[in-house]
Amino acid sequence: MAAFQKEFSLQPTSRGFHLITREVLVQVPEVSEIKAGIMQVFIQHTSASLTINENADPTVRSDFETFFTRTVPEDMSLYQHTYEDADDMTSHIKSSLLGSSVSIPITNGRLNLGTWQGIYLCEHRNHGGRRKLVVTVMGE
């Protein structure tokens, strides 16, 4: 069984839900060498997260942002951890709700995602900066 790992940073993005599937695959071309395996993508941050969802209709991504903004309001009076602006603690909560990693099966050198699935970077900060990912691939 082969295993390898890569670390890389994504370019800064605005707040919102951004498809990063292609960017991940560009950074990890070795996926094409795996007949059967798994790829885990982990984000090394507490105010951004990863998820897998709809990759075709961009209104899904804007609806996600609307939902999370309403569900976790940026009202500093609600939180004790307010050191870095109103979007700080809310970003930690959103990140915990969505998670810091996704795992995707690899079949015959390709990610075995559903027809309409893609990997999202969920940027919860207004100005999050470069986000560091660790991608681990295992398989044969």
N, C-alpha and C. Protein backbone atom coordinates (compact mmCIF):
# COMPACT_ATOMS: atom_id res chain seq x y z
N MET A 1 0.84 -1.18 0.00
CA MET A 1 0.00 0.00 0.00
C MET A 1 0.88 1.24 0.00
N ALA A 2 0.57 2.16 -0.87
CA ALA A 2 1.29 3.43 -0.96
C ALA A 2 0.61 4.46 -0.07
N ALA A 3 1.42 5.34 0.46
CA ALA A 3 0.90 6.46 1.25
C ALA A 3 1.79 7.66 1.01
N PHE A 4 1.19 8.81 0.83
CA PHE A 4 1.97 10.04 0.73
C PHE A 4 1.14 11.20 1.26
N GLN A 5 1.86 12.28 1.55
CA GLN A 5 1.21 13.44 2.16
C GLN A 5 1.83 14.70 1.59
N LYS A 6 0.99 15.70 1.35
CA LYS A 6 1.45 17.01 0.88
C LYS A 6 0.78 18.10 1.69
N GLU A 7 1.53 19.16 1.90
CA GLU A 7 1.00 20.36 2.54
C GLU A 7 1.12 21.51 1.55
N PHE A 8 0.10 22.32 1.47
CA PHE A 8 0.14 23.49 0.60
C PHE A 8 -0.87 24.51 1.10
N SER A 9 -0.72 25.74 0.63
CA SER A 9 -1.63 26.82 1.03
C SER A 9 -2.50 27.24 -0.15
N LEU A 10 -3.74 27.54 0.17
CA LEU A 10 -4.67 28.08 -0.81
C LEU A 10 -4.52 29.60 -0.84
N GLN A 11 -4.80 30.18 -1.97
CA GLN A 11 -4.80 31.63 -2.07
C GLN A 11 -5.93 32.19 -1.19
N PRO A 12 -5.74 33.38 -0.62
CA PRO A 12 -6.80 33.97 0.20
C PRO A 12 -8.09 34.14 -0.61
N THR A 13 -9.21 33.92 0.06
CA THR A 13 -10.51 34.09 -0.57
C THR A 13 -11.37 34.98 0.30
N SER A 14 -12.43 35.46 -0.27
CA SER A 14 -13.40 36.23 0.50
C SER A 14 -14.22 35.27 1.35
N ARG A 15 -14.95 35.83 2.26
CA ARG A 15 -15.85 35.03 3.07
C ARG A 15 -16.85 34.32 2.16
N GLY A 16 -17.11 33.05 2.46
CA GLY A 16 -18.07 32.30 1.67
C GLY A 16 -17.62 30.87 1.47
N PHE A 17 -18.29 30.20 0.56
CA PHE A 17 -18.08 28.78 0.27
C PHE A 17 -17.50 28.67 -1.13
N HIS A 18 -16.29 28.12 -1.24
CA HIS A 18 -15.53 28.13 -2.48
C HIS A 18 -15.16 26.71 -2.90
N LEU A 19 -15.41 26.37 -4.15
CA LEU A 19 -15.01 25.06 -4.67
C LEU A 19 -13.49 25.01 -4.84
N ILE A 20 -12.87 23.98 -4.27
CA ILE A 20 -11.41 23.84 -4.36
C ILE A 20 -10.98 22.48 -4.91
N THR A 21 -11.90 21.71 -5.43
CA THR A 21 -11.57 20.36 -5.91
C THR A 21 -10.42 20.39 -6.92
N ARG A 22 -10.52 21.21 -7.93
CA ARG A 22 -9.47 21.28 -8.97
C ARG A 22 -8.14 21.71 -8.38
N GLU A 23 -8.18 22.69 -7.50
CA GLU A 23 -6.94 23.18 -6.89
C GLU A 23 -6.25 22.08 -6.09
N VAL A 24 -7.03 21.29 -5.36
CA VAL A 24 -6.46 20.18 -4.60
C VAL A 24 -5.83 19.17 -5.55
N LEU A 25 -6.53 18.81 -6.61
CA LEU A 25 -6.01 17.82 -7.55
C LEU A 25 -4.76 18.31 -8.28
N VAL A 26 -4.68 19.60 -8.56
CA VAL A 26 -3.46 20.15 -9.17
C VAL A 26 -2.27 19.96 -8.23
N GLN A 27 -2.50 20.13 -6.94
CA GLN A 27 -1.43 20.00 -5.95
C GLN A 27 -1.05 18.54 -5.67
N VAL A 28 -1.97 17.63 -5.96
CA VAL A 28 -1.75 16.21 -5.63
C VAL A 28 -2.01 15.35 -6.88
N PRO A 29 -1.16 15.49 -7.91
CA PRO A 29 -1.39 14.72 -9.14
C PRO A 29 -1.18 13.21 -8.94
N GLU A 30 -0.54 12.83 -7.85
CA GLU A 30 -0.30 11.41 -7.58
C GLU A 30 -1.59 10.60 -7.41
N VAL A 31 -2.70 11.28 -7.20
CA VAL A 31 -3.99 10.60 -7.10
C VAL A 31 -4.21 9.72 -8.34
N SER A 32 -3.74 10.19 -9.49
CA SER A 32 -3.95 9.45 -10.74
C SER A 32 -3.25 8.09 -10.75
N GLU A 33 -2.32 7.87 -9.84
CA GLU A 33 -1.57 6.60 -9.76
C GLU A 33 -2.24 5.58 -8.84
N ILE A 34 -3.30 5.96 -8.14
CA ILE A 34 -3.94 5.09 -7.16
C ILE A 34 -5.12 4.36 -7.80
N LYS A 35 -5.10 3.04 -7.76
CA LYS A 35 -6.20 2.24 -8.31
C LYS A 35 -7.39 2.24 -7.36
N ALA A 36 -7.12 2.00 -6.08
CA ALA A 36 -8.17 2.00 -5.05
C ALA A 36 -7.56 2.57 -3.78
N GLY A 37 -8.21 3.59 -3.22
CA GLY A 37 -7.66 4.21 -2.02
C GLY A 37 -8.57 5.29 -1.47
N ILE A 38 -7.95 6.15 -0.69
CA ILE A 38 -8.70 7.22 -0.04
C ILE A 38 -7.82 8.47 0.04
N MET A 39 -8.44 9.62 -0.13
CA MET A 39 -7.75 10.89 0.05
C MET A 39 -8.43 11.64 1.19
N GLN A 40 -7.63 12.03 2.16
CA GLN A 40 -8.14 12.85 3.26
C GLN A 40 -7.57 14.26 3.10
N VAL A 41 -8.43 15.26 3.20
CA VAL A 41 -8.02 16.66 3.12
C VAL A 41 -8.33 17.29 4.47
N PHE A 42 -7.31 17.88 5.10
CA PHE A 42 -7.43 18.47 6.43
C PHE A 42 -7.01 19.93 6.37
N ILE A 43 -7.78 20.82 7.00
CA ILE A 43 -7.43 22.24 7.04
C ILE A 43 -6.88 22.57 8.42
N GLN A 44 -5.74 23.25 8.45
CA GLN A 44 -5.06 23.56 9.70
C GLN A 44 -5.48 24.92 10.26
N HIS A 45 -6.76 25.11 10.37
CA HIS A 45 -7.28 26.38 10.88
C HIS A 45 -8.54 26.13 11.69
N THR A 46 -8.84 27.06 12.59
CA THR A 46 -10.04 26.93 13.43
C THR A 46 -11.14 27.90 13.05
N SER A 47 -10.92 28.68 12.01
CA SER A 47 -11.96 29.63 11.58
C SER A 47 -12.34 29.44 10.12
N ALA A 48 -11.97 28.31 9.57
CA ALA A 48 -12.39 27.90 8.23
C ALA A 48 -12.60 26.39 8.29
N SER A 49 -13.37 25.87 7.34
CA SER A 49 -13.68 24.44 7.39
C SER A 49 -13.75 23.88 5.98
N LEU A 50 -14.01 22.58 5.92
CA LEU A 50 -14.15 21.88 4.64
C LEU A 50 -15.45 21.09 4.65
N THR A 51 -16.05 20.95 3.49
CA THR A 51 -17.22 20.09 3.35
C THR A 51 -17.31 19.66 1.89
N ILE A 52 -18.17 18.70 1.62
CA ILE A 52 -18.45 18.26 0.25
C ILE A 52 -19.91 18.54 -0.02
N ASN A 53 -20.17 19.18 -1.17
CA ASN A 53 -21.55 19.46 -1.52
C ASN A 53 -21.65 19.79 -3.00
N GLU A 54 -22.77 20.33 -3.40
CA GLU A 54 -23.14 20.68 -4.78
C GLU A 54 -22.05 21.49 -5.47
N ASN A 55 -21.63 21.03 -6.65
CA ASN A 55 -20.58 21.76 -7.37
C ASN A 55 -21.07 22.44 -8.65
N ALA A 56 -22.34 22.34 -8.97
CA ALA A 56 -22.82 22.87 -10.24
C ALA A 56 -23.50 24.24 -10.11
N ASP A 57 -24.39 24.39 -9.18
CA ASP A 57 -25.17 25.62 -9.05
C ASP A 57 -24.56 26.52 -7.97
N PRO A 58 -24.01 27.67 -8.33
CA PRO A 58 -23.38 28.55 -7.35
C PRO A 58 -24.34 29.12 -6.31
N THR A 59 -25.65 29.06 -6.57
CA THR A 59 -26.58 29.58 -5.56
C THR A 59 -26.58 28.71 -4.30
N VAL A 60 -26.16 27.45 -4.44
CA VAL A 60 -26.05 26.59 -3.26
C VAL A 60 -25.02 27.18 -2.30
N ARG A 61 -23.90 27.64 -2.83
CA ARG A 61 -22.84 28.21 -1.98
C ARG A 61 -23.31 29.50 -1.32
N SER A 62 -24.04 30.34 -2.04
CA SER A 62 -24.54 31.58 -1.42
C SER A 62 -25.62 31.26 -0.39
N ASP A 63 -26.44 30.24 -0.64
CA ASP A 63 -27.44 29.83 0.35
C ASP A 63 -26.78 29.30 1.62
N PHE A 64 -25.68 28.57 1.48
CA PHE A 64 -24.94 28.12 2.65
C PHE A 64 -24.50 29.32 3.49
N GLU A 65 -23.93 30.32 2.83
CA GLU A 65 -23.46 31.51 3.56
C GLU A 65 -24.62 32.20 4.26
N THR A 66 -25.75 32.34 3.59
CA THR A 66 -26.93 32.95 4.20
C THR A 66 -27.40 32.16 5.41
N PHE A 67 -27.46 30.85 5.27
CA PHE A 67 -27.90 29.99 6.38
C PHE A 67 -26.99 30.14 7.60
N PHE A 68 -25.68 30.05 7.39
CA PHE A 68 -24.76 30.12 8.53
C PHE A 68 -24.72 31.51 9.15
N THR A 69 -24.89 32.55 8.35
CA THR A 69 -24.91 33.91 8.89
C THR A 69 -26.13 34.11 9.79
N ARG A 70 -27.26 33.55 9.39
CA ARG A 70 -28.48 33.65 10.21
C ARG A 70 -28.42 32.74 11.44
N THR A 71 -27.85 31.56 11.28
CA THR A 71 -27.82 30.57 12.36
C THR A 71 -26.83 30.96 13.46
N VAL A 72 -25.70 31.55 13.06
CA VAL A 72 -24.66 31.95 14.02
C VAL A 72 -24.45 33.45 13.86
N PRO A 73 -25.27 34.26 14.52
CA PRO A 73 -25.21 35.72 14.32
C PRO A 73 -23.93 36.35 14.87
N GLU A 74 -23.46 37.36 14.16
CA GLU A 74 -22.25 38.08 14.58
C GLU A 74 -22.60 39.19 15.56
N ASP A 75 -23.07 38.79 16.70
CA ASP A 75 -23.44 39.72 17.77
C ASP A 75 -22.46 39.48 18.92
N MET A 76 -21.48 40.38 19.07
CA MET A 76 -20.42 40.18 20.06
C MET A 76 -20.96 40.08 21.49
N SER A 77 -22.15 40.57 21.74
CA SER A 77 -22.71 40.48 23.09
C SER A 77 -23.07 39.04 23.46
N LEU A 78 -23.11 38.15 22.46
CA LEU A 78 -23.46 36.75 22.71
C LEU A 78 -22.26 35.89 23.12
N TYR A 79 -21.03 36.42 22.95
CA TYR A 79 -19.83 35.60 23.11
C TYR A 79 -18.84 36.24 24.07
N GLN A 80 -18.04 35.39 24.71
CA GLN A 80 -16.96 35.86 25.56
C GLN A 80 -15.66 36.04 24.78
N HIS A 81 -15.43 35.17 23.81
CA HIS A 81 -14.21 35.21 22.99
C HIS A 81 -14.41 36.24 21.89
N THR A 82 -13.99 37.47 22.16
CA THR A 82 -14.23 38.57 21.22
C THR A 82 -12.95 39.35 20.91
N TYR A 83 -11.82 38.67 20.94
CA TYR A 83 -10.52 39.34 20.79
C TYR A 83 -10.25 39.88 19.39
N GLU A 84 -10.87 39.29 18.37
CA GLU A 84 -10.48 39.61 16.99
C GLU A 84 -11.63 40.07 16.10
N ASP A 85 -12.60 40.71 16.55
CA ASP A 85 -13.73 41.18 15.75
C ASP A 85 -14.93 40.25 15.86
N ALA A 86 -16.03 40.75 15.32
CA ALA A 86 -17.31 40.04 15.44
C ALA A 86 -17.33 38.72 14.68
N ASP A 87 -16.50 38.57 13.66
CA ASP A 87 -16.52 37.32 12.88
C ASP A 87 -15.61 36.24 13.46
N ASP A 88 -14.94 36.51 14.58
CA ASP A 88 -13.98 35.54 15.13
C ASP A 88 -14.66 34.34 15.78
N MET A 89 -15.39 34.55 16.84
CA MET A 89 -16.01 33.42 17.54
C MET A 89 -17.02 32.71 16.66
N THR A 90 -17.75 33.47 15.86
CA THR A 90 -18.71 32.84 14.96
C THR A 90 -18.01 31.94 13.95
N SER A 91 -16.81 32.31 13.55
CA SER A 91 -16.04 31.47 12.62
C SER A 91 -15.63 30.16 13.28
N HIS A 92 -15.26 30.21 14.55
CA HIS A 92 -14.91 28.98 15.28
C HIS A 92 -16.13 28.05 15.38
N ILE A 93 -17.28 28.62 15.66
CA ILE A 93 -18.50 27.81 15.78
C ILE A 93 -18.84 27.16 14.44
N LYS A 94 -18.83 27.95 13.37
CA LYS A 94 -19.15 27.42 12.04
C LYS A 94 -18.16 26.33 11.63
N SER A 95 -16.89 26.55 11.93
CA SER A 95 -15.87 25.55 11.62
C SER A 95 -16.13 24.24 12.36
N SER A 96 -16.52 24.34 13.61
CA SER A 96 -16.83 23.12 14.38
C SER A 96 -18.05 22.40 13.85
N LEU A 97 -19.03 23.16 13.39
CA LEU A 97 -20.24 22.54 12.84
C LEU A 97 -19.96 21.77 11.55
N LEU A 98 -19.09 22.32 10.70
CA LEU A 98 -18.82 21.69 9.41
C LEU A 98 -17.65 20.70 9.46
N GLY A 99 -16.63 21.00 10.23
CA GLY A 99 -15.51 20.07 10.37
C GLY A 99 -14.25 20.53 9.65
N SER A 100 -13.16 19.90 10.04
CA SER A 100 -11.84 20.29 9.54
C SER A 100 -11.28 19.34 8.48
N SER A 101 -12.03 18.30 8.12
CA SER A 101 -11.51 17.38 7.11
C SER A 101 -12.63 16.70 6.34
N VAL A 102 -12.25 16.22 5.16
CA VAL A 102 -13.14 15.40 4.33
C VAL A 102 -12.32 14.22 3.81
N SER A 103 -12.97 13.10 3.64
CA SER A 103 -12.34 11.91 3.07
C SER A 103 -13.11 11.51 1.82
N ILE A 104 -12.36 11.18 0.77
CA ILE A 104 -12.96 10.88 -0.52
C ILE A 104 -12.33 9.60 -1.07
N PRO A 105 -13.13 8.64 -1.50
CA PRO A 105 -12.56 7.44 -2.11
C PRO A 105 -11.90 7.77 -3.45
N ILE A 106 -10.85 7.02 -3.75
CA ILE A 106 -10.18 7.11 -5.04
C ILE A 106 -10.43 5.78 -5.76
N THR A 107 -10.88 5.86 -6.99
CA THR A 107 -11.14 4.68 -7.80
C THR A 107 -10.53 4.88 -9.19
N ASN A 108 -9.62 3.99 -9.56
CA ASN A 108 -8.97 4.05 -10.88
C ASN A 108 -8.39 5.43 -11.18
N GLY A 109 -7.68 5.99 -10.20
CA GLY A 109 -6.97 7.24 -10.40
C GLY A 109 -7.79 8.50 -10.37
N ARG A 110 -9.05 8.40 -9.94
CA ARG A 110 -9.92 9.57 -9.89
C ARG A 110 -10.64 9.62 -8.55
N LEU A 111 -10.94 10.83 -8.11
CA LEU A 111 -11.78 10.96 -6.92
C LEU A 111 -13.16 10.42 -7.26
N ASN A 112 -13.68 9.58 -6.40
CA ASN A 112 -14.97 8.94 -6.65
C ASN A 112 -16.08 9.77 -5.99
N LEU A 113 -16.18 11.01 -6.45
CA LEU A 113 -17.24 11.91 -5.99
C LEU A 113 -18.50 11.67 -6.80
N GLY A 114 -19.62 12.02 -6.23
CA GLY A 114 -20.87 11.95 -6.98
C GLY A 114 -20.88 12.97 -8.11
N THR A 115 -21.82 12.83 -9.01
CA THR A 115 -21.91 13.67 -10.21
C THR A 115 -21.86 15.16 -9.88
N TRP A 116 -22.54 15.58 -8.84
CA TRP A 116 -22.64 17.00 -8.53
C TRP A 116 -21.87 17.38 -7.27
N GLN A 117 -20.88 16.59 -6.87
CA GLN A 117 -20.15 16.87 -5.63
C GLN A 117 -18.80 17.53 -5.89
N GLY A 118 -18.43 18.42 -4.99
CA GLY A 118 -17.12 19.05 -5.01
C GLY A 118 -16.68 19.38 -3.59
N ILE A 119 -15.38 19.61 -3.43
CA ILE A 119 -14.82 19.97 -2.13
C ILE A 119 -14.94 21.48 -1.96
N TYR A 120 -15.50 21.89 -0.84
CA TYR A 120 -15.63 23.32 -0.52
C TYR A 120 -14.61 23.73 0.53
N LEU A 121 -13.98 24.87 0.32
CA LEU A 121 -13.35 25.62 1.40
C LEU A 121 -14.43 26.54 1.94
N CYS A 122 -14.71 26.44 3.20
CA CYS A 122 -15.72 27.28 3.85
C CYS A 122 -14.97 28.36 4.63
N GLU A 123 -14.87 29.53 4.04
CA GLU A 123 -14.15 30.63 4.67
C GLU A 123 -15.13 31.43 5.51
N HIS A 124 -14.95 31.37 6.81
CA HIS A 124 -15.89 32.00 7.73
C HIS A 124 -15.45 33.39 8.19
N ARG A 125 -14.20 33.76 7.94
CA ARG A 125 -13.72 35.09 8.30
C ARG A 125 -13.93 36.05 7.14
N ASN A 126 -14.12 37.32 7.47
CA ASN A 126 -14.23 38.33 6.42
C ASN A 126 -12.94 38.43 5.61
N HIS A 127 -11.79 38.26 6.30
CA HIS A 127 -10.47 38.31 5.66
C HIS A 127 -9.64 37.18 6.26
N GLY A 128 -9.81 35.98 5.76
CA GLY A 128 -9.19 34.80 6.35
C GLY A 128 -7.72 34.58 6.02
N GLY A 129 -7.26 35.09 4.91
CA GLY A 129 -5.87 34.87 4.53
C GLY A 129 -5.65 33.52 3.88
N ARG A 130 -4.37 33.16 3.72
CA ARG A 130 -4.01 31.88 3.11
C ARG A 130 -4.38 30.74 4.06
N ARG A 131 -5.00 29.72 3.53
CA ARG A 131 -5.41 28.58 4.34
C ARG A 131 -4.56 27.37 3.97
N LYS A 132 -3.99 26.75 5.00
CA LYS A 132 -3.07 25.63 4.80
C LYS A 132 -3.82 24.30 4.87
N LEU A 133 -3.59 23.46 3.86
CA LEU A 133 -4.19 22.13 3.81
C LEU A 133 -3.12 21.06 3.91
N VAL A 134 -3.49 19.94 4.51
CA VAL A 134 -2.66 18.74 4.52
C VAL A 134 -3.50 17.67 3.82
N VAL A 135 -2.95 17.11 2.75
CA VAL A 135 -3.66 16.08 1.99
C VAL A 135 -2.88 14.78 2.15
N THR A 136 -3.58 13.74 2.60
CA THR A 136 -2.98 12.42 2.77
C THR A 136 -3.69 11.46 1.84
N VAL A 137 -2.92 10.72 1.07
CA VAL A 137 -3.47 9.74 0.13
C VAL A 137 -2.91 8.37 0.48
N MET A 138 -3.80 7.40 0.59
CA MET A 138 -3.41 6.01 0.84
C MET A 138 -4.13 5.12 -0.15
N GLY A 139 -3.43 4.14 -0.67
CA GLY A 139 -4.05 3.21 -1.59
C GLY A 139 -3.03 2.39 -2.34
N GLU A 140 -3.54 1.72 -3.33
CA GLU A 140 -2.64 0.88 -4.15
C GLU A 140 -2.96 1.03 -5.61
